[in-house]
Amino acid sequence: MSTADLLAHGTATLGEAWPATGIMDAPLKALAPGMALAGPALTVRCLPGDNLALHLAMAQARGGEVLVVDYGGSLASGPFGEIMALACQQRGIAGMVIDGAVRDSAQIAALGFPVFARGLNIRGTVKRDRGQINVPVTIGGLAIAPGDIVLADADAIVTLAADDLPAALAAAAARAAREAVIMDRLRQGETTLSILGLNDGDRT
């Protein structure tokens, strides 16, 4: 089992199946429909208005990692765009979650590089502050440590401890199997009330 298996289950199934799943509150959204990502977090603290830390993180990232960027929630500039997305793809980076804005959204979507951001802004940045890489960050009320597993799709952005991955995947698979049985029974004409053993109340 790997982080790729998480993508098949999705955030909703993982969140229901594994109580220790962390769920991000911030309104970060995918740049385009269908975007999803999963992988260990490479965390970055990036000074708003400056994207040097992002370039440094991209250069040291390992294949399969997800850039998790604390940009302070700033929407005043876009520190990441098409060129950087292509650079990430070439290094095998799995995607990016940024508590801030990006630019070139259509071009990034065309590349197929998954990005989850707070918003969009075409204003540029400087390259002076080195920021911090591989330090704990907090985004949307969710504390994320370097190496935590990040899963993001259309429903949510969630995390879990790397050591929990095998057990969480097993729990998600078991829940998915139970839900498949329920959906099969629904197709055969049963109701959710009968399947779940709920009382349909009195009818008068």
Protein backbone atom coordinates (compact mmCIF):
# COMPACT_ATOMS: atom_id res chain seq x y z
CA MET A 1 0.00 0.00 0.00
CA SER A 2 1.14 3.55 -0.75
CA THR A 3 -0.06 7.13 -0.81
CA ALA A 4 -1.43 6.42 -4.30
CA ASP A 5 -4.01 4.17 -2.64
CA LEU A 6 -5.24 7.19 -0.67
CA LEU A 7 -6.26 8.92 -3.88
CA ALA A 8 -8.54 6.02 -4.74
CA HIS A 9 -10.35 6.28 -1.39
CA GLY A 10 -10.48 10.08 -1.15
CA THR A 11 -10.64 12.45 1.77
CA ALA A 12 -14.23 11.69 2.78
CA THR A 13 -13.65 7.96 3.18
CA LEU A 14 -10.34 8.45 4.98
CA GLY A 15 -11.82 11.06 7.31
CA GLU A 16 -14.70 8.76 8.26
CA ALA A 17 -12.57 5.64 8.59
CA TRP A 18 -9.61 7.07 10.53
CA PRO A 19 -10.56 9.26 13.52
CA ALA A 20 -7.04 10.67 13.81
CA THR A 21 -7.28 12.27 10.37
CA GLY A 22 -6.57 16.01 10.50
CA ILE A 23 -9.04 18.10 8.51
CA MET A 24 -8.05 21.56 7.30
CA ASP A 25 -10.49 24.38 8.02
CA ALA A 26 -9.03 26.98 5.66
CA PRO A 27 -10.95 27.60 2.42
CA LEU A 28 -8.20 26.31 0.17
CA LYS A 29 -9.50 24.99 -3.14
CA ALA A 30 -8.16 23.13 -6.15
CA LEU A 31 -7.27 25.35 -9.09
CA ALA A 32 -9.27 23.11 -11.43
CA PRO A 33 -11.86 20.32 -11.18
CA GLY A 34 -10.43 16.85 -10.78
CA MET A 35 -7.18 17.92 -9.13
CA ALA A 36 -6.05 15.63 -6.33
CA LEU A 37 -2.77 14.89 -4.61
CA ALA A 38 -1.26 12.64 -1.97
CA GLY A 39 2.21 12.38 -0.49
CA PRO A 40 4.49 13.27 2.40
CA ALA A 41 4.69 16.96 3.25
CA LEU A 42 7.70 19.09 2.49
CA THR A 43 6.78 22.08 4.62
CA VAL A 44 7.78 25.66 3.79
CA ARG A 45 7.39 28.96 5.62
CA CYS A 46 7.49 31.67 2.98
CA LEU A 47 7.51 35.40 3.72
CA PRO A 48 4.55 37.05 1.97
CA GLY A 49 5.78 38.99 -1.05
CA ASP A 50 8.89 36.81 -1.39
CA ASN A 51 9.16 33.39 -3.07
CA LEU A 52 12.84 32.49 -2.59
CA ALA A 53 11.91 29.89 0.04
CA LEU A 54 9.69 28.15 -2.51
CA HIS A 55 12.52 27.94 -5.05
CA LEU A 56 14.84 26.53 -2.37
CA ALA A 57 12.26 23.95 -1.31
CA MET A 58 11.61 22.88 -4.89
CA ALA A 59 15.34 22.30 -5.43
CA GLN A 60 15.63 19.97 -2.44
CA ALA A 61 12.30 18.17 -2.82
CA ARG A 62 12.23 14.44 -3.40
CA GLY A 63 9.92 12.71 -5.83
CA GLY A 64 6.44 12.17 -4.51
CA GLU A 65 6.57 14.92 -1.89
CA VAL A 66 3.87 17.59 -1.54
CA LEU A 67 4.89 21.20 -1.01
CA VAL A 68 2.91 22.52 1.96
CA VAL A 69 3.44 26.27 2.04
CA ASP A 70 2.61 28.65 4.87
CA TYR A 71 2.33 31.97 3.03
CA GLY A 72 0.59 33.60 5.96
CA GLY A 73 -2.77 33.49 4.20
CA SER A 74 -1.67 36.46 2.08
CA LEU A 75 -3.57 37.15 -1.13
CA ALA A 76 -1.53 40.26 -1.97
CA SER A 77 0.82 38.49 -4.40
CA GLY A 78 1.20 35.27 -6.36
CA PRO A 79 4.49 33.53 -5.48
CA PHE A 80 3.90 30.48 -7.71
CA GLY A 81 3.03 30.15 -11.40
CA GLU A 82 3.38 28.13 -14.57
CA ILE A 83 7.20 28.02 -14.72
CA MET A 84 7.47 26.85 -11.12
CA ALA A 85 4.73 24.26 -11.68
CA LEU A 86 6.67 22.82 -14.61
CA ALA A 87 9.83 22.79 -12.50
CA CYS A 88 7.97 20.86 -9.80
CA GLN A 89 6.72 18.33 -12.32
CA GLN A 90 10.22 17.78 -13.63
CA ARG A 91 11.38 16.98 -10.11
CA GLY A 92 8.51 14.58 -9.48
CA ILE A 93 6.80 16.73 -6.85
CA ALA A 94 3.26 15.44 -6.29
CA GLY A 95 1.56 18.83 -5.91
CA MET A 96 1.27 21.88 -3.70
CA VAL A 97 -0.95 23.18 -0.93
CA ILE A 98 -0.42 26.89 -0.24
CA ASP A 99 -2.09 29.16 2.29
CA GLY A 100 -1.88 32.04 -0.16
CA ALA A 101 -2.40 32.95 -3.79
CA VAL A 102 -0.92 31.69 -7.05
CA ARG A 103 -0.95 32.90 -10.66
CA ASP A 104 -1.22 31.29 -14.12
CA SER A 105 -4.08 29.11 -12.94
CA ALA A 106 -5.20 28.04 -16.44
CA GLN A 107 -1.65 27.16 -17.46
CA ILE A 108 -1.04 25.18 -14.26
CA ALA A 109 -4.29 23.32 -14.85
CA ALA A 110 -3.24 22.55 -18.42
CA LEU A 111 0.01 21.10 -17.10
CA GLY A 112 -1.98 18.84 -14.79
CA PHE A 113 0.02 19.84 -11.72
CA PRO A 114 -2.28 19.70 -8.65
CA VAL A 115 -2.37 22.97 -6.70
CA PHE A 116 -4.66 23.85 -3.81
CA ALA A 117 -4.60 27.55 -2.93
CA ARG A 118 -6.51 30.21 -1.03
CA GLY A 119 -6.87 32.45 -4.08
CA LEU A 120 -5.33 34.04 -7.16
CA ASN A 121 -3.15 37.11 -7.67
CA ILE A 122 -0.93 38.04 -10.61
CA ARG A 123 1.25 40.46 -8.64
CA GLY A 124 4.87 39.32 -8.55
CA THR A 125 7.28 38.78 -5.65
CA VAL A 126 10.91 39.41 -4.75
CA LYS A 127 13.55 36.76 -3.97
CA ARG A 128 15.40 37.81 -0.81
CA ASP A 129 14.12 35.88 2.22
CA ARG A 130 15.15 32.23 2.57
CA GLY A 131 12.21 31.42 4.81
CA GLN A 132 12.18 28.06 6.60
CA ILE A 133 11.99 24.57 5.15
CA ASN A 134 11.01 21.33 6.89
CA VAL A 135 9.61 23.01 9.98
CA PRO A 136 6.15 22.53 11.51
CA VAL A 137 3.49 24.80 9.99
CA THR A 138 -0.13 25.51 10.80
CA ILE A 139 -2.62 26.05 7.99
CA GLY A 140 -6.35 26.34 8.51
CA GLY A 141 -6.03 25.44 12.16
CA LEU A 142 -4.24 22.21 11.25
CA ALA A 143 -0.69 21.58 12.49
CA ILE A 144 1.38 19.85 9.81
CA ALA A 145 4.82 18.39 10.49
CA PRO A 146 7.43 17.56 7.85
CA GLY A 147 6.70 14.09 6.50
CA ASP A 148 3.03 14.02 7.49
CA ILE A 149 0.90 12.47 4.76
CA VAL A 150 -1.24 14.99 2.89
CA LEU A 151 -4.32 14.06 0.86
CA ALA A 152 -6.32 16.68 -1.05
CA ASP A 153 -9.23 16.42 -3.45
CA ALA A 154 -12.43 18.27 -4.32
CA ASP A 155 -13.89 17.63 -0.86
CA ALA A 156 -11.11 18.57 1.54
CA ILE A 157 -7.47 18.71 2.50
CA VAL A 158 -6.53 16.23 5.22
CA THR A 159 -3.40 14.88 6.90
CA LEU A 160 -2.29 11.90 8.92
CA ALA A 161 0.89 10.85 10.63
CA ALA A 162 3.20 8.86 8.37
CA ASP A 163 3.27 5.97 10.84
CA ASP A 164 -0.53 5.75 10.63
CA LEU A 165 -0.59 5.23 6.86
CA PRO A 166 -0.83 1.39 6.75
CA ALA A 167 -3.56 1.21 9.40
CA ALA A 168 -5.44 4.19 7.95
CA LEU A 169 -5.38 2.66 4.48
CA ALA A 170 -6.70 -0.63 5.84
CA ALA A 171 -9.50 1.18 7.66
CA ALA A 172 -10.37 3.18 4.54
CA ALA A 173 -10.42 0.04 2.41
CA ALA A 174 -12.73 -1.69 4.90
CA ARG A 175 -15.10 1.27 4.92
CA ALA A 176 -15.11 1.42 1.13
CA ALA A 177 -16.00 -2.26 1.00
CA ARG A 178 -18.90 -1.76 3.42
CA GLU A 179 -20.17 1.20 1.40
CA ALA A 180 -19.99 -0.85 -1.80
CA VAL A 181 -22.32 -3.42 -0.23
CA ILE A 182 -24.74 -0.66 0.83
CA MET A 183 -24.81 0.83 -2.66
CA ASP A 184 -25.43 -2.60 -4.18
CA ARG A 185 -28.40 -3.10 -1.84
CA LEU A 186 -29.74 0.34 -2.78
CA ARG A 187 -29.60 -0.62 -6.46
CA GLN A 188 -31.65 -3.70 -5.60
CA GLY A 189 -34.42 -1.51 -4.20
CA GLU A 190 -33.76 -1.33 -0.47
CA THR A 191 -33.94 1.96 1.41
CA THR A 192 -31.28 3.55 3.58
CA LEU A 193 -33.69 3.17 6.51
CA SER A 194 -33.84 -0.60 6.16
CA ILE A 195 -30.15 -1.01 5.39
CA LEU A 196 -29.01 1.10 8.34
CA GLY A 197 -31.68 -0.22 10.71
CA LEU A 198 -33.27 3.20 11.25
CA ASN A 199 -36.79 3.79 12.47
CA ASP A 200 -38.86 5.45 9.75
CA GLY A 201 -41.16 7.03 12.35
CA ASP A 202 -44.90 6.93 12.67
CA ARG A 203 -47.03 7.75 9.68
CA THR A 204 -50.53 9.00 10.24
